[in-house]
Amino acid sequence: MTQNKRPFSILLLIVLYSLFTLIALWRATQYASFDILTMGVLPVLVGLLIQARWAKVVLFFHLGLQTLVFVALSTTAVIAHQITPEDVKLEFAGHNIPIALAVGCAIGLLAIQWWAALHLKTRAYLNTQGISTTA
C-alpha cells in the first residue's frame, strides 16, 4: 500500500488532536475524568494517522460535539452573566483567565478545525482508500 502525502490541513488536525490527546490523558490521570468530549480525541487521532475509512465520520462527530458543547456553555454563561455578573469568572490553578480570551481561543480552535475538516484536500484525502478495518 502506498501512503498518500498528507495535506497541510490533515497535518494541522493531527497536531491539534495530538495536543488534545495529551491534555485528555493528563486530565484523565489527574482528575479521573473520562467523558466522550475528553477521550473522544483518541479515535479521531488514530483515524487520521492510519487514514481509516471511518476517520471522516469520527472527525465530524467529534467536531459537531465540540461545537454543540461550546454553544451550550456560551448560552449558560450569558444567562449567568445576566443574573449575577460578578459570579461569572474563569479560574485555572488559582489564576483568573479573562472570559474574552477563553472565548476567542475556543472560537479560534473551532474555526481552524472546521476549516481543516471541510478543506477540499482533507475531504479528498479522507475519501481515498486508506487502511481497511474490515476483513
Foldseek 3Di string as FASTA:
>chain_A
DDADDADPLLVVLLVVLVVLLVVLVVCCVPPVDDDCLSVLSVVLNVCSVQLELCNLVSLVVNLVVLVVVLVVVVVVLVVVCVVPVVPRWDDDPRDTDDPVVVNVVSVVVSVSSVCSSPPPSNVVSSPDDTDYPDD
